Amino acid sequence: MDAIAKPPKGHFIVLYFASANSFTAKEYDTFLAPLPISKLFDALEEKHSGIKDKILSSCLVTVNLNYVDVPKSDGDDGSEPGYVIQEGDEVAIIPPVSSG
């Protein structure tokens, strides 16, 4: 992976690793901030149709190098909306890897 540029003002960056990189044909994307973590997969699906089922259903996610859970609910059901991704944050999509 080449050096990753900082996201533009008001955005955060999403890094794609392994099969996520292959699926998107990109090393990274930028998205408008702030964004509730519960809406991240929908934003990625909007940009890369099919990524939810093929990649995101079994991946890990980090924000600023910390693993986070991506809730299925956005708080519409009365639950907490969870973490909000902020301007300048670095999100990584890490699919499962295997070795042999």
PDB file of N, CA and C in Angstrom:
ATOM      1  N   MET A   1       0.848  -1.166   0.000  1.00  0.00           N
ATOM      2  CA  MET A   1       0.000   0.000   0.000  1.00  0.00           C
ATOM      3  C   MET A   1       0.899   1.236   0.000  1.00  0.00           C
ATOM      4  N   ASP A   2       0.613   2.148  -0.890  1.00  0.00           N
ATOM      5  CA  ASP A   2       1.366   3.392  -0.953  1.00  0.00           C
ATOM      6  C   ASP A   2       0.969   4.276   0.227  1.00  0.00           C
ATOM      7  N   ALA A   3       1.689   5.377   0.378  1.00  0.00           N
ATOM      8  CA  ALA A   3       1.341   6.332   1.433  1.00  0.00           C
ATOM      9  C   ALA A   3      -0.081   6.836   1.198  1.00  0.00           C
ATOM     10  N   ILE A   4      -0.837   6.886   2.259  1.00  0.00           N
ATOM     11  CA  ILE A   4      -2.231   7.307   2.175  1.00  0.00           C
ATOM     12  C   ILE A   4      -2.313   8.795   2.484  1.00  0.00           C
ATOM     13  N   ALA A   5      -2.984   9.517   1.602  1.00  0.00           N
ATOM     14  CA  ALA A   5      -3.159  10.949   1.796  1.00  0.00           C
ATOM     15  C   ALA A   5      -4.122  11.206   2.944  1.00  0.00           C
ATOM     16  N   LYS A   6      -4.003  12.365   3.562  1.00  0.00           N
ATOM     17  CA  LYS A   6      -4.961  12.755   4.589  1.00  0.00           C
ATOM     18  C   LYS A   6      -6.297  13.034   3.910  1.00  0.00           C
ATOM     19  N   PRO A   7      -7.392  12.742   4.608  1.00  0.00           N
ATOM     20  CA  PRO A   7      -8.694  13.035   3.997  1.00  0.00           C
ATOM     21  C   PRO A   7      -8.912  14.539   3.896  1.00  0.00           C
ATOM     22  N   PRO A   8      -9.726  14.956   2.935  1.00  0.00           N
ATOM     23  CA  PRO A   8     -10.043  16.387   2.814  1.00  0.00           C
ATOM     24  C   PRO A   8     -10.760  16.885   4.070  1.00  0.00           C
ATOM     25  N   LYS A   9     -10.753  18.187   4.254  1.00  0.00           N
ATOM     26  CA  LYS A   9     -11.432  18.795   5.398  1.00  0.00           C
ATOM     27  C   LYS A   9     -12.891  18.316   5.438  1.00  0.00           C
ATOM     28  N   GLY A  10     -13.337  17.936   6.629  1.00  0.00           N
ATOM     29  CA  GLY A  10     -14.723  17.501   6.795  1.00  0.00           C
ATOM     30  C   GLY A  10     -14.970  16.047   6.431  1.00  0.00           C
ATOM     31  N   HIS A  11     -13.906  15.285   6.182  1.00  0.00           N
ATOM     32  CA  HIS A  11     -14.033  13.885   5.772  1.00  0.00           C
ATOM     33  C   HIS A  11     -13.229  12.966   6.687  1.00  0.00           C
ATOM     34  N   PHE A  12     -13.491  11.668   6.573  1.00  0.00           N
ATOM     35  CA  PHE A  12     -12.649  10.649   7.184  1.00  0.00           C
ATOM     36  C   PHE A  12     -12.252   9.668   6.095  1.00  0.00           C
ATOM     37  N   ILE A  13     -11.271   8.829   6.373  1.00  0.00           N
ATOM     38  CA  ILE A  13     -10.746   7.911   5.374  1.00  0.00           C
ATOM     39  C   ILE A  13     -11.098   6.470   5.758  1.00  0.00           C
ATOM     40  N   VAL A  14     -11.414   5.660   4.754  1.00  0.00           N
ATOM     41  CA  VAL A  14     -11.644   4.231   4.944  1.00  0.00           C
ATOM     42  C   VAL A  14     -10.578   3.492   4.147  1.00  0.00           C
ATOM     43  N   LEU A  15      -9.795   2.675   4.841  1.00  0.00           N
ATOM     44  CA  LEU A  15      -8.748   1.864   4.210  1.00  0.00           C
ATOM     45  C   LEU A  15      -9.291   0.472   3.945  1.00  0.00           C
ATOM     46  N   TYR A  16      -8.987  -0.063   2.765  1.00  0.00           N
ATOM     47  CA  TYR A  16      -9.444  -1.400   2.382  1.00  0.00           C
ATOM     48  C   TYR A  16      -8.265  -2.359   2.344  1.00  0.00           C
ATOM     49  N   PHE A  17      -8.391  -3.489   3.037  1.00  0.00           N
ATOM     50  CA  PHE A  17      -7.341  -4.495   3.060  1.00  0.00           C
ATOM     51  C   PHE A  17      -7.845  -5.803   2.456  1.00  0.00           C
ATOM     52  N   ALA A  18      -6.899  -6.599   1.951  1.00  0.00           N
ATOM     53  CA  ALA A  18      -7.149  -7.957   1.444  1.00  0.00           C
ATOM     54  C   ALA A  18      -8.307  -7.964   0.441  1.00  0.00           C
ATOM     55  N   SER A  19      -9.329  -8.793   0.673  1.00  0.00           N
ATOM     56  CA  SER A  19     -10.418  -8.923  -0.302  1.00  0.00           C
ATOM     57  C   SER A  19     -11.236  -7.640  -0.438  1.00  0.00           C
ATOM     58  N   ALA A  20     -11.264  -6.795   0.581  1.00  0.00           N
ATOM     59  CA  ALA A  20     -11.960  -5.506   0.465  1.00  0.00           C
ATOM     60  C   ALA A  20     -11.257  -4.628  -0.561  1.00  0.00           C
ATOM     61  N   ASN A  21      -9.932  -4.692  -0.572  1.00  0.00           N
ATOM     62  CA  ASN A  21      -9.143  -3.957  -1.561  1.00  0.00           C
ATOM     63  C   ASN A  21      -9.426  -4.491  -2.959  1.00  0.00           C
ATOM     64  N   SER A  22      -9.472  -5.808  -3.093  1.00  0.00           N
ATOM     65  CA  SER A  22      -9.756  -6.419  -4.398  1.00  0.00           C
ATOM     66  C   SER A  22     -11.163  -6.092  -4.868  1.00  0.00           C
ATOM     67  N   PHE A  23     -12.132  -6.147  -3.955  1.00  0.00           N
ATOM     68  CA  PHE A  23     -13.522  -5.900  -4.316  1.00  0.00           C
ATOM     69  C   PHE A  23     -13.727  -4.473  -4.802  1.00  0.00           C
ATOM     70  N   THR A  24     -13.138  -3.514  -4.105  1.00  0.00           N
ATOM     71  CA  THR A  24     -13.346  -2.098  -4.450  1.00  0.00           C
ATOM     72  C   THR A  24     -12.384  -1.607  -5.526  1.00  0.00           C
ATOM     73  N   ALA A  25     -11.295  -2.352  -5.734  1.00  0.00           N
ATOM     74  CA  ALA A  25     -10.219  -1.930  -6.642  1.00  0.00           C
ATOM     75  C   ALA A  25      -9.618  -0.597  -6.186  1.00  0.00           C
ATOM     76  N   LYS A  26      -9.673  -0.362  -4.880  1.00  0.00           N
ATOM     77  CA  LYS A  26      -9.131   0.859  -4.303  1.00  0.00           C
ATOM     78  C   LYS A  26      -8.396   0.524  -3.013  1.00  0.00           C
ATOM     79  N   GLU A  27      -7.448   1.356  -2.651  1.00  0.00           N
ATOM     80  CA  GLU A  27      -6.783   1.217  -1.359  1.00  0.00           C
ATOM     81  C   GLU A  27      -7.556   1.964  -0.275  1.00  0.00           C
ATOM     82  N   TYR A  28      -8.270   3.015  -0.671  1.00  0.00           N
ATOM     83  CA  TYR A  28      -9.022   3.808   0.302  1.00  0.00           C
ATOM     84  C   TYR A  28     -10.089   4.645  -0.392  1.00  0.00           C
ATOM     85  N   ASP A  29     -11.023   5.127   0.402  1.00  0.00           N
ATOM     86  CA  ASP A  29     -12.043   6.096   0.006  1.00  0.00           C
ATOM     87  C   ASP A  29     -12.132   7.129   1.119  1.00  0.00           C
ATOM     88  N   THR A  30     -12.757   8.256   0.808  1.00  0.00           N
ATOM     89  CA  THR A  30     -13.064   9.241   1.837  1.00  0.00           C
ATOM     90  C   THR A  30     -14.580   9.442   1.874  1.00  0.00           C
ATOM     91  N   PHE A  31     -15.076   9.738   3.080  1.00  0.00           N
ATOM     92  CA  PHE A  31     -16.504   9.959   3.295  1.00  0.00           C
ATOM     93  C   PHE A  31     -16.688  11.199   4.152  1.00  0.00           C
ATOM     94  N   LEU A  32     -17.853  11.830   4.025  1.00  0.00           N
ATOM     95  CA  LEU A  32     -18.176  13.002   4.838  1.00  0.00           C
ATOM     96  C   LEU A  32     -18.321  12.615   6.301  1.00  0.00           C
ATOM     97  N   ALA A  33     -17.782  13.439   7.163  1.00  0.00           N
ATOM     98  CA  ALA A  33     -17.908  13.250   8.612  1.00  0.00           C
ATOM     99  C   ALA A  33     -18.793  14.368   9.152  1.00  0.00           C
ATOM    100  N   PRO A  34     -19.430  14.137  10.267  1.00  0.00           N
ATOM    101  CA  PRO A  34     -19.444  12.920  11.062  1.00  0.00           C
ATOM    102  C   PRO A  34     -20.406  11.885  10.480  1.00  0.00           C
ATOM    103  N   LEU A  35     -20.179  10.607  10.846  1.00  0.00           N
ATOM    104  CA  LEU A  35     -21.037   9.514  10.409  1.00  0.00           C
ATOM    105  C   LEU A  35     -21.136   8.506  11.548  1.00  0.00           C
ATOM    106  N   PRO A  36     -22.362   8.217  12.015  1.00  0.00           N
ATOM    107  CA  PRO A  36     -22.493   7.182  13.037  1.00  0.00           C
ATOM    108  C   PRO A  36     -21.941   5.858  12.509  1.00  0.00           C
ATOM    109  N   ILE A  37     -21.223   5.131  13.343  1.00  0.00           N
ATOM    110  CA  ILE A  37     -20.639   3.858  12.924  1.00  0.00           C
ATOM    111  C   ILE A  37     -21.727   2.907  12.428  1.00  0.00           C
ATOM    112  N   SER A  38     -22.931   3.029  12.953  1.00  0.00           N
ATOM    113  CA  SER A  38     -24.039   2.165  12.543  1.00  0.00           C
ATOM    114  C   SER A  38     -24.456   2.405  11.093  1.00  0.00           C
ATOM    115  N   LYS A  39     -24.058   3.535  10.513  1.00  0.00           N
ATOM    116  CA  LYS A  39     -24.402   3.844   9.118  1.00  0.00           C
ATOM    117  C   LYS A  39     -23.237   3.595   8.165  1.00  0.00           C
ATOM    118  N   LEU A  40     -22.095   3.148   8.695  1.00  0.00           N
ATOM    119  CA  LEU A  40     -20.906   2.952   7.863  1.00  0.00           C
ATOM    120  C   LEU A  40     -21.140   1.930   6.759  1.00  0.00           C
ATOM    121  N   PHE A  41     -21.688   0.767   7.087  1.00  0.00           N
ATOM    122  CA  PHE A  41     -21.868  -0.278   6.080  1.00  0.00           C
ATOM    123  C   PHE A  41     -22.834   0.170   4.983  1.00  0.00           C
ATOM    124  N   ASP A  42     -23.859   0.939   5.339  1.00  0.00           N
ATOM    125  CA  ASP A  42     -24.780   1.461   4.316  1.00  0.00           C
ATOM    126  C   ASP A  42     -24.062   2.438   3.388  1.00  0.00           C
ATOM    127  N   ALA A  43     -23.193   3.285   3.948  1.00  0.00           N
ATOM    128  CA  ALA A  43     -22.438   4.237   3.125  1.00  0.00           C
ATOM    129  C   ALA A  43     -21.495   3.492   2.183  1.00  0.00           C
ATOM    130  N   LEU A  44     -20.861   2.429   2.691  1.00  0.00           N
ATOM    131  CA  LEU A  44     -19.965   1.642   1.837  1.00  0.00           C
ATOM    132  C   LEU A  44     -20.748   0.914   0.749  1.00  0.00           C
ATOM    133  N   GLU A  45     -21.908   0.381   1.094  1.00  0.00           N
ATOM    134  CA  GLU A  45     -22.750  -0.323   0.120  1.00  0.00           C
ATOM    135  C   GLU A  45     -23.221   0.631  -0.970  1.00  0.00           C
ATOM    136  N   GLU A  46     -23.521   1.856  -0.593  1.00  0.00           N
ATOM    137  CA  GLU A  46     -23.958   2.861  -1.573  1.00  0.00           C
ATOM    138  C   GLU A  46     -22.853   3.126  -2.601  1.00  0.00           C
ATOM    139  N   LYS A  47     -21.621   3.124  -2.147  1.00  0.00           N
ATOM    140  CA  LYS A  47     -20.485   3.409  -3.024  1.00  0.00           C
ATOM    141  C   LYS A  47     -20.001   2.172  -3.785  1.00  0.00           C
ATOM    142  N   HIS A  48     -20.135   0.993  -3.153  1.00  0.00           N
ATOM    143  CA  HIS A  48     -19.638  -0.264  -3.734  1.00  0.00           C
ATOM    144  C   HIS A  48     -20.721  -1.339  -3.599  1.00  0.00           C
ATOM    145  N   SER A  49     -21.632  -1.366  -4.557  1.00  0.00           N
ATOM    146  CA  SER A  49     -22.760  -2.291  -4.508  1.00  0.00           C
ATOM    147  C   SER A  49     -22.305  -3.744  -4.338  1.00  0.00           C
ATOM    148  N   GLY A  50     -22.890  -4.425  -3.362  1.00  0.00           N
ATOM    149  CA  GLY A  50     -22.577  -5.825  -3.103  1.00  0.00           C
ATOM    150  C   GLY A  50     -21.555  -6.053  -2.007  1.00  0.00           C
ATOM    151  N   ILE A  51     -20.900  -4.985  -1.545  1.00  0.00           N
ATOM    152  CA  ILE A  51     -19.829  -5.148  -0.552  1.00  0.00           C
ATOM    153  C   ILE A  51     -20.363  -5.629   0.799  1.00  0.00           C
ATOM    154  N   LYS A  52     -21.596  -5.275   1.136  1.00  0.00           N
ATOM    155  CA  LYS A  52     -22.161  -5.684   2.426  1.00  0.00           C
ATOM    156  C   LYS A  52     -22.195  -7.199   2.560  1.00  0.00           C
ATOM    157  N   ASP A  53     -22.757  -7.857   1.569  1.00  0.00           N
ATOM    158  CA  ASP A  53     -22.890  -9.317   1.629  1.00  0.00           C
ATOM    159  C   ASP A  53     -21.577 -10.039   1.398  1.00  0.00           C
ATOM    160  N   LYS A  54     -20.788  -9.559   0.467  1.00  0.00           N
ATOM    161  CA  LYS A  54     -19.576 -10.288   0.072  1.00  0.00           C
ATOM    162  C   LYS A  54     -18.380 -10.031   0.983  1.00  0.00           C
ATOM    163  N   ILE A  55     -18.280  -8.866   1.591  1.00  0.00           N
ATOM    164  CA  ILE A  55     -17.091  -8.512   2.372  1.00  0.00           C
ATOM    165  C   ILE A  55     -17.440  -8.132   3.811  1.00  0.00           C
ATOM    166  N   LEU A  56     -18.337  -7.191   3.983  1.00  0.00           N
ATOM    167  CA  LEU A  56     -18.572  -6.605   5.297  1.00  0.00           C
ATOM    168  C   LEU A  56     -19.220  -7.554   6.290  1.00  0.00           C
ATOM    169  N   SER A  57     -19.931  -8.551   5.806  1.00  0.00           N
ATOM    170  CA  SER A  57     -20.619  -9.479   6.712  1.00  0.00           C
ATOM    171  C   SER A  57     -19.654 -10.274   7.587  1.00  0.00           C
ATOM    172  N   SER A  58     -18.396 -10.366   7.179  1.00  0.00           N
ATOM    173  CA  SER A  58     -17.440 -11.166   7.961  1.00  0.00           C
ATOM    174  C   SER A  58     -16.153 -10.412   8.286  1.00  0.00           C
ATOM    175  N   CYS A  59     -16.169  -9.106   8.192  1.00  0.00           N
ATOM    176  CA  CYS A  59     -14.927  -8.347   8.401  1.00  0.00           C
ATOM    177  C   CYS A  59     -14.840  -7.758   9.802  1.00  0.00           C
ATOM    178  N   LEU A  60     -13.652  -7.322  10.152  1.00  0.00           N
ATOM    179  CA  LEU A  60     -13.424  -6.530  11.360  1.00  0.00           C
ATOM    180  C   LEU A  60     -13.274  -5.077  10.934  1.00  0.00           C
ATOM    181  N   VAL A  61     -13.573  -4.179  11.851  1.00  0.00           N
ATOM    182  CA  VAL A  61     -13.467  -2.748  11.569  1.00  0.00           C
ATOM    183  C   VAL A  61     -12.662  -2.098  12.690  1.00  0.00           C
ATOM    184  N   THR A  62     -11.741  -1.227  12.288  1.00  0.00           N
ATOM    185  CA  THR A  62     -11.030  -0.419  13.278  1.00  0.00           C
ATOM    186  C   THR A  62     -11.280   1.057  12.997  1.00  0.00           C
ATOM    187  N   VAL A  63     -11.248   1.832  14.055  1.00  0.00           N
ATOM    188  CA  VAL A  63     -11.278   3.294  13.951  1.00  0.00           C
ATOM    189  C   VAL A  63     -10.078   3.787  14.741  1.00  0.00           C
ATOM    190  N   ASN A  64      -9.187   4.461  14.040  1.00  0.00           N
ATOM    191  CA  ASN A  64      -7.958   4.965  14.655  1.00  0.00           C
ATOM    192  C   ASN A  64      -7.204   3.848  15.385  1.00  0.00           C
ATOM    193  N   LEU A  65      -7.104   2.698  14.720  1.00  0.00           N
ATOM    194  CA  LEU A  65      -6.364   1.519  15.175  1.00  0.00           C
ATOM    195  C   LEU A  65      -7.017   0.771  16.333  1.00  0.00           C
ATOM    196  N   ASN A  66      -8.237   1.131  16.703  1.00  0.00           N
ATOM    197  CA  ASN A  66      -8.977   0.424  17.753  1.00  0.00           C
ATOM    198  C   ASN A  66     -10.125  -0.355  17.128  1.00  0.00           C
ATOM    199  N   TYR A  67     -10.222  -1.652  17.469  1.00  0.00           N
ATOM    200  CA  TYR A  67     -11.327  -2.452  16.951  1.00  0.00           C
ATOM    201  C   TYR A  67     -12.645  -1.936  17.512  1.00  0.00           C
ATOM    202  N   VAL A  68     -13.659  -1.886  16.639  1.00  0.00           N
ATOM    203  CA  VAL A  68     -14.985  -1.425  17.045  1.00  0.00           C
ATOM    204  C   VAL A  68     -16.038  -2.397  16.531  1.00  0.00           C
ATOM    205  N   ASP A  69     -17.141  -2.466  17.251  1.00  0.00           N
ATOM    206  CA  ASP A  69     -18.298  -3.220  16.787  1.00  0.00           C
ATOM    207  C   ASP A  69     -19.153  -2.288  15.946  1.00  0.00           C
ATOM    208  N   VAL A  70     -19.663  -2.812  14.846  1.00  0.00           N
ATOM    209  CA  VAL A  70     -20.557  -2.027  14.001  1.00  0.00           C
ATOM    210  C   VAL A  70     -21.968  -2.539  14.273  1.00  0.00           C
ATOM    211  N   PRO A  71     -22.768  -1.766  15.021  1.00  0.00           N
ATOM    212  CA  PRO A  71     -24.117  -2.230  15.356  1.00  0.00           C
ATOM    213  C   PRO A  71     -25.007  -2.275  14.122  1.00  0.00           C
ATOM    214  N   LYS A  72     -25.935  -3.206  14.140  1.00  0.00           N
ATOM    215  CA  LYS A  72     -26.884  -3.307  13.029  1.00  0.00           C
ATOM    216  C   LYS A  72     -27.959  -2.228  13.134  1.00  0.00           C
ATOM    217  N   SER A  73     -28.150  -1.699  14.336  1.00  0.00           N
ATOM    218  CA  SER A  73     -29.172  -0.686  14.573  1.00  0.00           C
ATOM    219  C   SER A  73     -28.549   0.695  14.576  1.00  0.00           C
ATOM    220  N   ASP A  74     -29.291   1.682  14.089  1.00  0.00           N
ATOM    221  CA  ASP A  74     -28.782   3.054  14.092  1.00  0.00           C
ATOM    222  C   ASP A  74     -29.400   3.882  15.205  1.00  0.00           C
ATOM    223  N   GLY A  75     -30.017   3.200  16.160  1.00  0.00           N
ATOM    224  CA  GLY A  75     -30.641   3.914  17.263  1.00  0.00           C
ATOM    225  C   GLY A  75     -32.111   4.198  17.028  1.00  0.00           C
ATOM    226  N   ASP A  76     -32.642   3.880  15.851  1.00  0.00           N
ATOM    227  CA  ASP A  76     -34.047   4.128  15.554  1.00  0.00           C
ATOM    228  C   ASP A  76     -34.974   3.300  16.439  1.00  0.00           C
ATOM    229  N   ASP A  77     -34.447   2.196  17.005  1.00  0.00           N
ATOM    230  CA  ASP A  77     -35.273   1.332  17.838  1.00  0.00           C
ATOM    231  C   ASP A  77     -35.136   1.674  19.329  1.00  0.00           C
ATOM    232  N   GLY A  78     -34.554   2.823  19.629  1.00  0.00           N
ATOM    233  CA  GLY A  78     -34.380   3.237  21.010  1.00  0.00           C
ATOM    234  C   GLY A  78     -33.028   2.866  21.591  1.00  0.00           C
ATOM    235  N   SER A  79     -32.243   2.103  20.854  1.00  0.00           N
ATOM    236  CA  SER A  79     -30.916   1.731  21.339  1.00  0.00           C
ATOM    237  C   SER A  79     -29.946   2.883  21.104  1.00  0.00           C
ATOM    238  N   GLU A  80     -28.798   2.803  21.748  1.00  0.00           N
ATOM    239  CA  GLU A  80     -27.774   3.825  21.561  1.00  0.00           C
ATOM    240  C   GLU A  80     -27.226   3.763  20.139  1.00  0.00           C
ATOM    241  N   PRO A  81     -27.003   4.903  19.487  1.00  0.00           N
ATOM    242  CA  PRO A  81     -26.486   4.886  18.123  1.00  0.00           C
ATOM    243  C   PRO A  81     -25.026   4.469  18.045  1.00  0.00           C
ATOM    244  N   GLY A  82     -24.311   4.507  19.152  1.00  0.00           N
ATOM    245  CA  GLY A  82     -22.921   4.064  19.144  1.00  0.00           C
ATOM    246  C   GLY A  82     -21.951   5.162  18.749  1.00  0.00           C
ATOM    247  N   TYR A  83     -20.753   4.718  18.424  1.00  0.00           N
ATOM    248  CA  TYR A  83     -19.653   5.610  18.091  1.00  0.00           C
ATOM    249  C   TYR A  83     -19.965   6.430  16.843  1.00  0.00           C
ATOM    250  N   VAL A  84     -19.495   7.654  16.802  1.00  0.00           N
ATOM    251  CA  VAL A  84     -19.643   8.516  15.629  1.00  0.00           C
ATOM    252  C   VAL A  84     -18.254   8.770  15.059  1.00  0.00           C
ATOM    253  N   ILE A  85     -18.062   8.415  13.791  1.00  0.00           N
ATOM    254  CA  ILE A  85     -16.789   8.641  13.102  1.00  0.00           C
ATOM    255  C   ILE A  85     -16.658  10.141  12.838  1.00  0.00           C
ATOM    256  N   GLN A  86     -15.504  10.685  13.203  1.00  0.00           N
ATOM    257  CA  GLN A  86     -15.284  12.123  13.124  1.00  0.00           C
ATOM    258  C   GLN A  86     -14.329  12.497  11.983  1.00  0.00           C
ATOM    259  N   GLU A  87     -14.303  13.776  11.668  1.00  0.00           N
ATOM    260  CA  GLU A  87     -13.376  14.318  10.675  1.00  0.00           C
ATOM    261  C   GLU A  87     -11.947  13.894  11.022  1.00  0.00           C
ATOM    262  N   GLY A  88     -11.230  13.395  10.015  1.00  0.00           N
ATOM    263  CA  GLY A  88      -9.834  13.019  10.193  1.00  0.00           C
ATOM    264  C   GLY A  88      -9.623  11.612  10.709  1.00  0.00           C
ATOM    265  N   ASP A  89     -10.693  10.912  11.109  1.00  0.00           N
ATOM    266  CA  ASP A  89     -10.548   9.545  11.599  1.00  0.00           C
ATOM    267  C   ASP A  89     -10.093   8.618  10.482  1.00  0.00           C
ATOM    268  N   GLU A  90      -9.442   7.535  10.894  1.00  0.00           N
ATOM    269  CA  GLU A  90      -8.997   6.493   9.961  1.00  0.00           C
ATOM    270  C   GLU A  90      -9.738   5.209  10.293  1.00  0.00           C
ATOM    271  N   VAL A  91     -10.535   4.752   9.348  1.00  0.00           N
ATOM    272  CA  VAL A  91     -11.306   3.517   9.489  1.00  0.00           C
ATOM    273  C   VAL A  91     -10.653   2.470   8.604  1.00  0.00           C
ATOM    274  N   ALA A  92     -10.538   1.249   9.102  1.00  0.00           N
ATOM    275  CA  ALA A  92      -9.979   0.163   8.294  1.00  0.00           C
ATOM    276  C   ALA A  92     -10.978  -0.976   8.219  1.00  0.00           C
ATOM    277  N   ILE A  93     -11.130  -1.519   7.014  1.00  0.00           N
ATOM    278  CA  ILE A  93     -11.974  -2.685   6.770  1.00  0.00           C
ATOM    279  C   ILE A  93     -11.014  -3.868   6.619  1.00  0.00           C
ATOM    280  N   ILE A  94     -11.107  -4.828   7.538  1.00  0.00           N
ATOM    281  CA  ILE A  94     -10.154  -5.937   7.586  1.00  0.00           C
ATOM    282  C   ILE A  94     -10.910  -7.256   7.453  1.00  0.00           C
ATOM    283  N   PRO A  95     -10.934  -7.820   6.250  1.00  0.00           N
ATOM    284  CA  PRO A  95     -11.584  -9.105   6.050  1.00  0.00           C
ATOM    285  C   PRO A  95     -10.791 -10.227   6.719  1.00  0.00           C
ATOM    286  N   PRO A  96     -11.433 -11.380   6.918  1.00  0.00           N
ATOM    287  CA  PRO A  96     -10.706 -12.505   7.485  1.00  0.00           C
ATOM    288  C   PRO A  96      -9.566 -12.921   6.580  1.00  0.00           C
ATOM    289  N   VAL A  97      -8.496 -13.367   7.169  1.00  0.00           N
ATOM    290  CA  VAL A  97      -7.359 -13.867   6.404  1.00  0.00           C
ATOM    291  C   VAL A  97      -7.052 -15.277   6.867  1.00  0.00           C
ATOM    292  N   SER A  98      -6.455 -16.042   6.001  1.00  0.00           N
ATOM    293  CA  SER A  98      -6.059 -17.398   6.388  1.00  0.00           C
ATOM    294  C   SER A  98      -4.619 -17.620   5.967  1.00  0.00           C
ATOM    295  N   SER A  99      -4.006 -18.534   6.627  1.00  0.00           N
ATOM    296  CA  SER A  99      -2.627 -18.877   6.261  1.00  0.00           C
ATOM    297  C   SER A  99      -2.517 -20.385   6.220  1.00  0.00           C
ATOM    298  N   GLY A 100      -1.556 -20.837   5.533  1.00  0.00           N
ATOM    299  CA  GLY A 100      -1.458 -22.285   5.415  1.00  0.00           C
ATOM    300  C   GLY A 100      -0.106 -22.725   5.449  1.00  0.00           C
TER     301      GLY A 100
END
